[in-house]
Amino acid sequence: MPQDHGGPALAAFAALLADPTRAVFCSALLDGRAWTAGELARTAGVAPSTASEHLSRLVAGGLLAEERQGRHRYVRLATPAVATLLEDLTAFAEASHGGRPAPRNLREATRRSAEARARTCYDHLAGGLGVAVADALLARGLVTAEAGLAVTERGHAWLAAQSIELPPRAGRPGGRPVVRSCLDWTERRSHLGGALGAVLFRTALDRAWVERIGSGRALRVTPDGGRALRELLGVEL
């Protein structure tokens, strides 16, 4: 009798993403926000009843978490680990197929261009902006990659000076890694995720250094943000 090395579980997980509609849902939710079933249905171009069925499978499979407010059903990616996995799979799939297919129209080309400049990768910065911030943190010795990515003493002092706090459980057993490398699928280089990446993005959003463009993942750096990035990290955009 053949041994079970996790093959059935892996096959069941792969089947969740094998459907184009479910894959579109997961890709949309990589913006880090909660969406209603109706919003996802419109994004994927399917009927609400069809969307509900697919969402139930994704929730049961552990990829999505749901919450209800009144008559509305909201879903989001279940954990940061799920977002990391989806982003890695997207990068691998596109690289193995020679890159992304050409945009179908001007609107899609414009969206892609905006996302390449600056976007969210679940809950941290990505695109050209994310890579520039990662490079600056490393160049200034705020983050080191000598023995795996870590925030240095100088980095902790810099965060404190900016009134930026890492979550208490970051880096502890059961908590989120303090900082991790995340391959950027447009830049083909790494930006920074983990608790540090999340808190930097939240700070940039709360302090109006960046703002969302529409309902997608693209971000725009504001004039105040441009000045802050230049003064604090030497990032020129």
C-alpha atoms as a PDB file:
ATOM      1  CA  MET A   1       0.000   0.000   0.000  1.00  0.00           C
ATOM      2  CA  PRO A   2       1.547   3.381  -0.977  1.00  0.00           C
ATOM      3  CA  GLN A   3       2.451   5.687   1.896  1.00  0.00           C
ATOM      4  CA  ASP A   4       0.686   9.003   2.363  1.00  0.00           C
ATOM      5  CA  HIS A   5       3.298  11.760   2.205  1.00  0.00           C
ATOM      6  CA  GLY A   6       0.726  14.540   2.151  1.00  0.00           C
ATOM      7  CA  GLY A   7      -0.139  14.078  -1.494  1.00  0.00           C
ATOM      8  CA  PRO A   8      -3.930  13.972  -1.043  1.00  0.00           C
ATOM      9  CA  ALA A   9      -3.890  17.113   1.092  1.00  0.00           C
ATOM     10  CA  LEU A  10      -1.710  18.907  -1.448  1.00  0.00           C
ATOM     11  CA  ALA A  11      -3.994  17.820  -4.287  1.00  0.00           C
ATOM     12  CA  ALA A  12      -7.058  19.059  -2.400  1.00  0.00           C
ATOM     13  CA  PHE A  13      -5.394  22.407  -1.766  1.00  0.00           C
ATOM     14  CA  ALA A  14      -4.315  22.767  -5.395  1.00  0.00           C
ATOM     15  CA  ALA A  15      -7.886  22.048  -6.485  1.00  0.00           C
ATOM     16  CA  LEU A  16      -9.065  25.111  -4.566  1.00  0.00           C
ATOM     17  CA  LEU A  17      -6.981  27.362  -6.810  1.00  0.00           C
ATOM     18  CA  ALA A  18      -7.489  25.361 -10.000  1.00  0.00           C
ATOM     19  CA  ASP A  19     -10.795  27.096 -10.728  1.00  0.00           C
ATOM     20  CA  PRO A  20     -10.355  30.478 -12.512  1.00  0.00           C
ATOM     21  CA  THR A  21     -13.126  32.155 -10.511  1.00  0.00           C
ATOM     22  CA  ARG A  22     -11.634  31.165  -7.167  1.00  0.00           C
ATOM     23  CA  ALA A  23      -8.204  32.236  -8.380  1.00  0.00           C
ATOM     24  CA  VAL A  24      -9.592  35.677  -9.322  1.00  0.00           C
ATOM     25  CA  PHE A  25     -11.156  36.000  -5.869  1.00  0.00           C
ATOM     26  CA  CYS A  26      -7.856  35.205  -4.137  1.00  0.00           C
ATOM     27  CA  SER A  27      -5.938  37.587  -6.377  1.00  0.00           C
ATOM     28  CA  ALA A  28      -8.364  40.435  -5.633  1.00  0.00           C
ATOM     29  CA  LEU A  29      -8.118  39.803  -1.893  1.00  0.00           C
ATOM     30  CA  LEU A  30      -4.348  40.266  -2.029  1.00  0.00           C
ATOM     31  CA  ASP A  31      -5.064  43.978  -1.551  1.00  0.00           C
ATOM     32  CA  GLY A  32      -5.430  43.157   2.150  1.00  0.00           C
ATOM     33  CA  ARG A  33      -9.012  44.360   2.515  1.00  0.00           C
ATOM     34  CA  ALA A  34     -12.275  42.570   3.212  1.00  0.00           C
ATOM     35  CA  TRP A  35     -14.634  42.285   0.225  1.00  0.00           C
ATOM     36  CA  THR A  36     -18.310  41.446   0.041  1.00  0.00           C
ATOM     37  CA  ALA A  37     -19.462  38.467  -1.959  1.00  0.00           C
ATOM     38  CA  GLY A  38     -21.212  40.848  -4.370  1.00  0.00           C
ATOM     39  CA  GLU A  39     -18.044  42.846  -5.012  1.00  0.00           C
ATOM     40  CA  LEU A  40     -16.090  39.695  -5.773  1.00  0.00           C
ATOM     41  CA  ALA A  41     -18.874  38.397  -7.998  1.00  0.00           C
ATOM     42  CA  ARG A  42     -18.735  41.568 -10.096  1.00  0.00           C
ATOM     43  CA  THR A  43     -14.940  41.431 -10.269  1.00  0.00           C
ATOM     44  CA  ALA A  44     -14.993  37.860 -11.553  1.00  0.00           C
ATOM     45  CA  GLY A  45     -18.059  38.382 -13.763  1.00  0.00           C
ATOM     46  CA  VAL A  46     -20.120  35.612 -12.167  1.00  0.00           C
ATOM     47  CA  ALA A  47     -23.562  35.403 -10.606  1.00  0.00           C
ATOM     48  CA  PRO A  48     -23.843  36.058  -6.837  1.00  0.00           C
ATOM     49  CA  SER A  49     -25.015  32.484  -6.249  1.00  0.00           C
ATOM     50  CA  THR A  50     -21.949  31.153  -8.068  1.00  0.00           C
ATOM     51  CA  ALA A  51     -19.683  33.437  -6.056  1.00  0.00           C
ATOM     52  CA  SER A  52     -21.244  32.283  -2.795  1.00  0.00           C
ATOM     53  CA  GLU A  53     -20.581  28.649  -3.654  1.00  0.00           C
ATOM     54  CA  HIS A  54     -16.944  29.302  -4.516  1.00  0.00           C
ATOM     55  CA  LEU A  55     -16.402  31.417  -1.404  1.00  0.00           C
ATOM     56  CA  SER A  56     -17.797  28.678   0.815  1.00  0.00           C
ATOM     57  CA  ARG A  57     -15.226  26.262  -0.619  1.00  0.00           C
ATOM     58  CA  LEU A  58     -12.377  28.703  -0.058  1.00  0.00           C
ATOM     59  CA  VAL A  59     -13.475  29.328   3.531  1.00  0.00           C
ATOM     60  CA  ALA A  60     -13.824  25.606   4.216  1.00  0.00           C
ATOM     61  CA  GLY A  61     -10.372  25.062   2.724  1.00  0.00           C
ATOM     62  CA  GLY A  62      -8.819  27.579   5.100  1.00  0.00           C
ATOM     63  CA  LEU A  63      -7.764  30.139   2.480  1.00  0.00           C
ATOM     64  CA  LEU A  64     -10.389  32.722   3.419  1.00  0.00           C
ATOM     65  CA  ALA A  65     -11.992  33.886   6.637  1.00  0.00           C
ATOM     66  CA  GLU A  66     -15.442  35.401   6.748  1.00  0.00           C
ATOM     67  CA  GLU A  67     -17.373  37.776   8.938  1.00  0.00           C
ATOM     68  CA  ARG A  68     -20.929  39.022   8.723  1.00  0.00           C
ATOM     69  CA  GLN A  69     -22.267  42.503   9.342  1.00  0.00           C
ATOM     70  CA  GLY A  70     -26.015  42.616   9.024  1.00  0.00           C
ATOM     71  CA  ARG A  71     -26.979  41.172   5.659  1.00  0.00           C
ATOM     72  CA  HIS A  72     -23.464  41.509   4.252  1.00  0.00           C
ATOM     73  CA  ARG A  73     -20.932  38.727   4.133  1.00  0.00           C
ATOM     74  CA  TYR A  74     -17.306  39.878   4.085  1.00  0.00           C
ATOM     75  CA  VAL A  75     -14.331  37.706   3.292  1.00  0.00           C
ATOM     76  CA  ARG A  76     -10.595  38.281   3.523  1.00  0.00           C
ATOM     77  CA  LEU A  77      -7.485  36.135   3.237  1.00  0.00           C
ATOM     78  CA  ALA A  78      -7.310  33.972   6.341  1.00  0.00           C
ATOM     79  CA  THR A  79      -3.745  34.796   7.408  1.00  0.00           C
ATOM     80  CA  PRO A  80      -0.623  36.636   6.224  1.00  0.00           C
ATOM     81  CA  ALA A  81       0.853  33.194   5.459  1.00  0.00           C
ATOM     82  CA  VAL A  82      -1.918  32.607   2.901  1.00  0.00           C
ATOM     83  CA  ALA A  83      -1.113  35.940   1.264  1.00  0.00           C
ATOM     84  CA  THR A  84       2.579  35.042   1.096  1.00  0.00           C
ATOM     85  CA  LEU A  85       1.783  31.693  -0.475  1.00  0.00           C
ATOM     86  CA  LEU A  86      -0.518  33.236  -3.101  1.00  0.00           C
ATOM     87  CA  GLU A  87       2.010  35.935  -3.980  1.00  0.00           C
ATOM     88  CA  ASP A  88       4.782  33.334  -4.354  1.00  0.00           C
ATOM     89  CA  LEU A  89       2.576  31.115  -6.504  1.00  0.00           C
ATOM     90  CA  THR A  90       1.667  34.078  -8.719  1.00  0.00           C
ATOM     91  CA  ALA A  91       5.317  35.003  -9.209  1.00  0.00           C
ATOM     92  CA  PHE A  92       6.251  31.388  -9.993  1.00  0.00           C
ATOM     93  CA  ALA A  93       3.350  30.886 -12.397  1.00  0.00           C
ATOM     94  CA  GLU A  94       4.122  34.037 -14.352  1.00  0.00           C
ATOM     95  CA  ALA A  95       7.860  33.333 -14.502  1.00  0.00           C
ATOM     96  CA  SER A  96       7.294  29.776 -15.711  1.00  0.00           C
ATOM     97  CA  HIS A  97       5.012  31.052 -18.500  1.00  0.00           C
ATOM     98  CA  GLY A  98       7.359  33.763 -19.729  1.00  0.00           C
ATOM     99  CA  GLY A  99       5.797  36.636 -17.797  1.00  0.00           C
ATOM    100  CA  ARG A 100       2.359  38.199 -17.746  1.00  0.00           C
ATOM    101  CA  PRO A 101       0.286  38.212 -20.931  1.00  0.00           C
ATOM    102  CA  ALA A 102      -0.021  41.522 -22.735  1.00  0.00           C
ATOM    103  CA  PRO A 103      -2.746  43.856 -21.390  1.00  0.00           C
ATOM    104  CA  ARG A 104      -6.059  43.493 -23.171  1.00  0.00           C
ATOM    105  CA  ASN A 105      -6.869  47.182 -23.298  1.00  0.00           C
ATOM    106  CA  LEU A 106      -5.709  50.656 -22.271  1.00  0.00           C
ATOM    107  CA  ARG A 107      -7.478  50.469 -18.914  1.00  0.00           C
ATOM    108  CA  GLU A 108      -5.666  47.276 -17.967  1.00  0.00           C
ATOM    109  CA  ALA A 109      -2.346  48.682 -19.186  1.00  0.00           C
ATOM    110  CA  THR A 110      -2.865  51.803 -17.041  1.00  0.00           C
ATOM    111  CA  ARG A 111      -3.726  49.709 -13.983  1.00  0.00           C
ATOM    112  CA  ARG A 112      -0.668  47.515 -14.427  1.00  0.00           C
ATOM    113  CA  SER A 113       1.580  50.540 -14.802  1.00  0.00           C
ATOM    114  CA  ALA A 114       0.215  52.042 -11.575  1.00  0.00           C
ATOM    115  CA  GLU A 115       0.625  48.734  -9.727  1.00  0.00           C
ATOM    116  CA  ALA A 116       4.208  48.396 -10.949  1.00  0.00           C
ATOM    117  CA  ARG A 117       5.047  51.831  -9.499  1.00  0.00           C
ATOM    118  CA  ALA A 118       3.440  51.254  -6.089  1.00  0.00           C
ATOM    119  CA  ARG A 119       0.916  48.783  -4.757  1.00  0.00           C
ATOM    120  CA  THR A 120      -0.040  46.669  -1.799  1.00  0.00           C
ATOM    121  CA  CYS A 121       1.149  43.098  -1.401  1.00  0.00           C
ATOM    122  CA  TYR A 122      -1.507  42.042   1.087  1.00  0.00           C
ATOM    123  CA  ASP A 123      -0.519  44.381   3.957  1.00  0.00           C
ATOM    124  CA  HIS A 124       2.879  45.735   2.908  1.00  0.00           C
ATOM    125  CA  LEU A 125       4.375  47.909   0.193  1.00  0.00           C
ATOM    126  CA  ALA A 126       5.305  46.426  -3.184  1.00  0.00           C
ATOM    127  CA  GLY A 127       6.203  47.499  -6.686  1.00  0.00           C
ATOM    128  CA  GLY A 128       8.909  50.064  -7.340  1.00  0.00           C
ATOM    129  CA  LEU A 129       8.069  51.851  -4.089  1.00  0.00           C
ATOM    130  CA  GLY A 130       8.312  48.696  -1.978  1.00  0.00           C
ATOM    131  CA  VAL A 131      11.662  47.714  -3.481  1.00  0.00           C
ATOM    132  CA  ALA A 132      13.024  51.271  -3.041  1.00  0.00           C
ATOM    133  CA  VAL A 133      12.042  51.283   0.641  1.00  0.00           C
ATOM    134  CA  ALA A 134      13.611  47.843   1.159  1.00  0.00           C
ATOM    135  CA  ASP A 135      16.838  48.976  -0.503  1.00  0.00           C
ATOM    136  CA  ALA A 136      16.944  52.105   1.664  1.00  0.00           C
ATOM    137  CA  LEU A 137      16.406  50.205   4.914  1.00  0.00           C
ATOM    138  CA  LEU A 138      19.219  47.823   4.029  1.00  0.00           C
ATOM    139  CA  ALA A 139      21.579  50.540   2.768  1.00  0.00           C
ATOM    140  CA  ARG A 140      21.149  52.582   5.955  1.00  0.00           C
ATOM    141  CA  GLY A 141      21.731  49.603   8.224  1.00  0.00           C
ATOM    142  CA  LEU A 142      18.215  49.658   9.638  1.00  0.00           C
ATOM    143  CA  VAL A 143      17.711  46.108   8.413  1.00  0.00           C
ATOM    144  CA  THR A 144      20.475  43.548   7.928  1.00  0.00           C
ATOM    145  CA  ALA A 145      20.638  40.438   5.781  1.00  0.00           C
ATOM    146  CA  GLU A 146      23.925  39.092   7.191  1.00  0.00           C
ATOM    147  CA  ALA A 147      22.412  36.115   8.998  1.00  0.00           C
ATOM    148  CA  GLY A 148      18.870  36.228   7.706  1.00  0.00           C
ATOM    149  CA  LEU A 149      16.782  39.371   7.603  1.00  0.00           C
ATOM    150  CA  ALA A 150      16.519  41.196  10.915  1.00  0.00           C
ATOM    151  CA  VAL A 151      15.932  44.692  12.244  1.00  0.00           C
ATOM    152  CA  THR A 152      19.165  46.088  13.702  1.00  0.00           C
ATOM    153  CA  GLU A 153      19.553  48.084  16.920  1.00  0.00           C
ATOM    154  CA  ARG A 154      19.881  51.139  14.733  1.00  0.00           C
ATOM    155  CA  GLY A 155      16.664  50.126  13.001  1.00  0.00           C
ATOM    156  CA  HIS A 156      14.776  49.782  16.294  1.00  0.00           C
ATOM    157  CA  ALA A 157      16.022  53.232  17.325  1.00  0.00           C
ATOM    158  CA  TRP A 158      14.891  54.658  13.976  1.00  0.00           C
ATOM    159  CA  LEU A 159      11.438  53.131  14.372  1.00  0.00           C
ATOM    160  CA  ALA A 160      11.132  54.561  17.892  1.00  0.00           C
ATOM    161  CA  ALA A 161      12.172  58.006  16.641  1.00  0.00           C
ATOM    162  CA  GLN A 162       9.330  57.867  14.097  1.00  0.00           C
ATOM    163  CA  SER A 163       6.840  56.629  16.742  1.00  0.00           C
ATOM    164  CA  ILE A 164       6.442  53.357  14.826  1.00  0.00           C
ATOM    165  CA  GLU A 165       5.875  50.279  16.984  1.00  0.00           C
ATOM    166  CA  LEU A 166       6.203  46.643  15.982  1.00  0.00           C
ATOM    167  CA  PRO A 167       3.498  44.282  17.281  1.00  0.00           C
ATOM    168  CA  PRO A 168       4.443  42.792  20.689  1.00  0.00           C
ATOM    169  CA  ARG A 169       4.292  39.193  19.424  1.00  0.00           C
ATOM    170  CA  ALA A 170       6.375  39.814  16.301  1.00  0.00           C
ATOM    171  CA  GLY A 171       9.209  37.311  16.109  1.00  0.00           C
ATOM    172  CA  ARG A 172       7.911  35.187  19.004  1.00  0.00           C
ATOM    173  CA  PRO A 173       6.657  31.589  18.730  1.00  0.00           C
ATOM    174  CA  GLY A 174       3.240  31.680  17.150  1.00  0.00           C
ATOM    175  CA  GLY A 175       3.721  35.287  16.099  1.00  0.00           C
ATOM    176  CA  ARG A 176       4.541  36.794  12.752  1.00  0.00           C
ATOM    177  CA  PRO A 177       8.165  37.075  11.560  1.00  0.00           C
ATOM    178  CA  VAL A 178       9.586  40.535  12.273  1.00  0.00           C
ATOM    179  CA  VAL A 179      10.761  40.915   8.687  1.00  0.00           C
ATOM    180  CA  ARG A 180      10.859  38.627   5.686  1.00  0.00           C
ATOM    181  CA  SER A 181      11.824  38.865   2.050  1.00  0.00           C
ATOM    182  CA  CYS A 182       9.016  38.798  -0.501  1.00  0.00           C
ATOM    183  CA  LEU A 183       9.770  38.444  -4.210  1.00  0.00           C
ATOM    184  CA  ASP A 184       8.206  41.305  -6.132  1.00  0.00           C
ATOM    185  CA  TRP A 185       6.668  39.933  -9.331  1.00  0.00           C
ATOM    186  CA  THR A 186       6.916  43.223 -11.254  1.00  0.00           C
ATOM    187  CA  GLU A 187      10.406  44.292 -10.138  1.00  0.00           C
ATOM    188  CA  ARG A 188      11.850  40.730 -10.037  1.00  0.00           C
ATOM    189  CA  ARG A 189      13.569  41.779  -6.817  1.00  0.00           C
ATOM    190  CA  SER A 190      12.577  41.614  -3.175  1.00  0.00           C
ATOM    191  CA  HIS A 191      10.558  43.951  -1.025  1.00  0.00           C
ATOM    192  CA  LEU A 192      10.016  43.516   2.718  1.00  0.00           C
ATOM    193  CA  GLY A 193       7.063  41.817   4.354  1.00  0.00           C
ATOM    194  CA  GLY A 194       6.488  40.503   7.851  1.00  0.00           C
ATOM    195  CA  ALA A 195       5.513  42.657  10.806  1.00  0.00           C
ATOM    196  CA  LEU A 196       7.914  45.415   9.757  1.00  0.00           C
ATOM    197  CA  GLY A 197       6.492  45.612   6.244  1.00  0.00           C
ATOM    198  CA  ALA A 198       2.951  45.713   7.617  1.00  0.00           C
ATOM    199  CA  VAL A 199       3.617  48.463  10.156  1.00  0.00           C
ATOM    200  CA  LEU A 200       5.476  50.599   7.602  1.00  0.00           C
ATOM    201  CA  PHE A 201       2.554  50.365   5.178  1.00  0.00           C
ATOM    202  CA  ARG A 202       0.011  51.131   7.895  1.00  0.00           C
ATOM    203  CA  THR A 203       2.073  54.147   8.972  1.00  0.00           C
ATOM    204  CA  ALA A 204       2.345  55.407   5.390  1.00  0.00           C
ATOM    205  CA  LEU A 205      -1.417  55.056   4.936  1.00  0.00           C
ATOM    206  CA  ASP A 206      -2.366  56.594   8.293  1.00  0.00           C
ATOM    207  CA  ARG A 207      -0.019  59.553   7.791  1.00  0.00           C
ATOM    208  CA  ALA A 208      -1.266  60.085   4.219  1.00  0.00           C
ATOM    209  CA  TRP A 209       2.134  59.359   2.675  1.00  0.00           C
ATOM    210  CA  VAL A 210       0.352  57.046   0.255  1.00  0.00           C
ATOM    211  CA  GLU A 211      -3.253  56.726  -0.843  1.00  0.00           C
ATOM    212  CA  ARG A 212      -5.146  54.015  -2.643  1.00  0.00           C
ATOM    213  CA  ILE A 213      -6.088  54.422  -6.294  1.00  0.00           C
ATOM    214  CA  GLY A 214      -9.648  53.227  -6.774  1.00  0.00           C
ATOM    215  CA  SER A 215     -10.605  49.824  -5.406  1.00  0.00           C
ATOM    216  CA  GLY A 216      -7.540  47.903  -6.586  1.00  0.00           C
ATOM    217  CA  ARG A 217      -4.056  47.355  -5.205  1.00  0.00           C
ATOM    218  CA  ALA A 218      -2.369  50.396  -6.760  1.00  0.00           C
ATOM    219  CA  LEU A 219      -1.094  53.206  -4.535  1.00  0.00           C
ATOM    220  CA  ARG A 220      -0.149  56.820  -5.162  1.00  0.00           C
ATOM    221  CA  VAL A 221       2.614  58.571  -3.219  1.00  0.00           C
ATOM    222  CA  THR A 222       1.342  61.951  -2.008  1.00  0.00           C
ATOM    223  CA  PRO A 223       3.475  65.114  -1.960  1.00  0.00           C
ATOM    224  CA  ASP A 224       3.815  64.751   1.840  1.00  0.00           C
ATOM    225  CA  GLY A 225       4.801  61.129   1.319  1.00  0.00           C
ATOM    226  CA  GLY A 226       7.429  62.042  -1.228  1.00  0.00           C
ATOM    227  CA  ARG A 227       8.992  64.504   1.225  1.00  0.00           C
ATOM    228  CA  ALA A 228       8.842  62.035   4.121  1.00  0.00           C
ATOM    229  CA  LEU A 229      10.434  59.224   2.129  1.00  0.00           C
ATOM    230  CA  ARG A 230      13.180  61.539   0.920  1.00  0.00           C
ATOM    231  CA  GLU A 231      13.930  62.985   4.376  1.00  0.00           C
ATOM    232  CA  LEU A 232      13.635  59.766   6.396  1.00  0.00           C
ATOM    233  CA  LEU A 233      15.101  57.206   4.003  1.00  0.00           C
ATOM    234  CA  GLY A 234      16.637  59.091   1.105  1.00  0.00           C
ATOM    235  CA  VAL A 235      14.148  57.520  -1.288  1.00  0.00           C
ATOM    236  CA  GLU A 236      13.715  59.555  -4.464  1.00  0.00           C
ATOM    237  CA  LEU A 237      10.656  58.735  -6.562  1.00  0.00           C
END
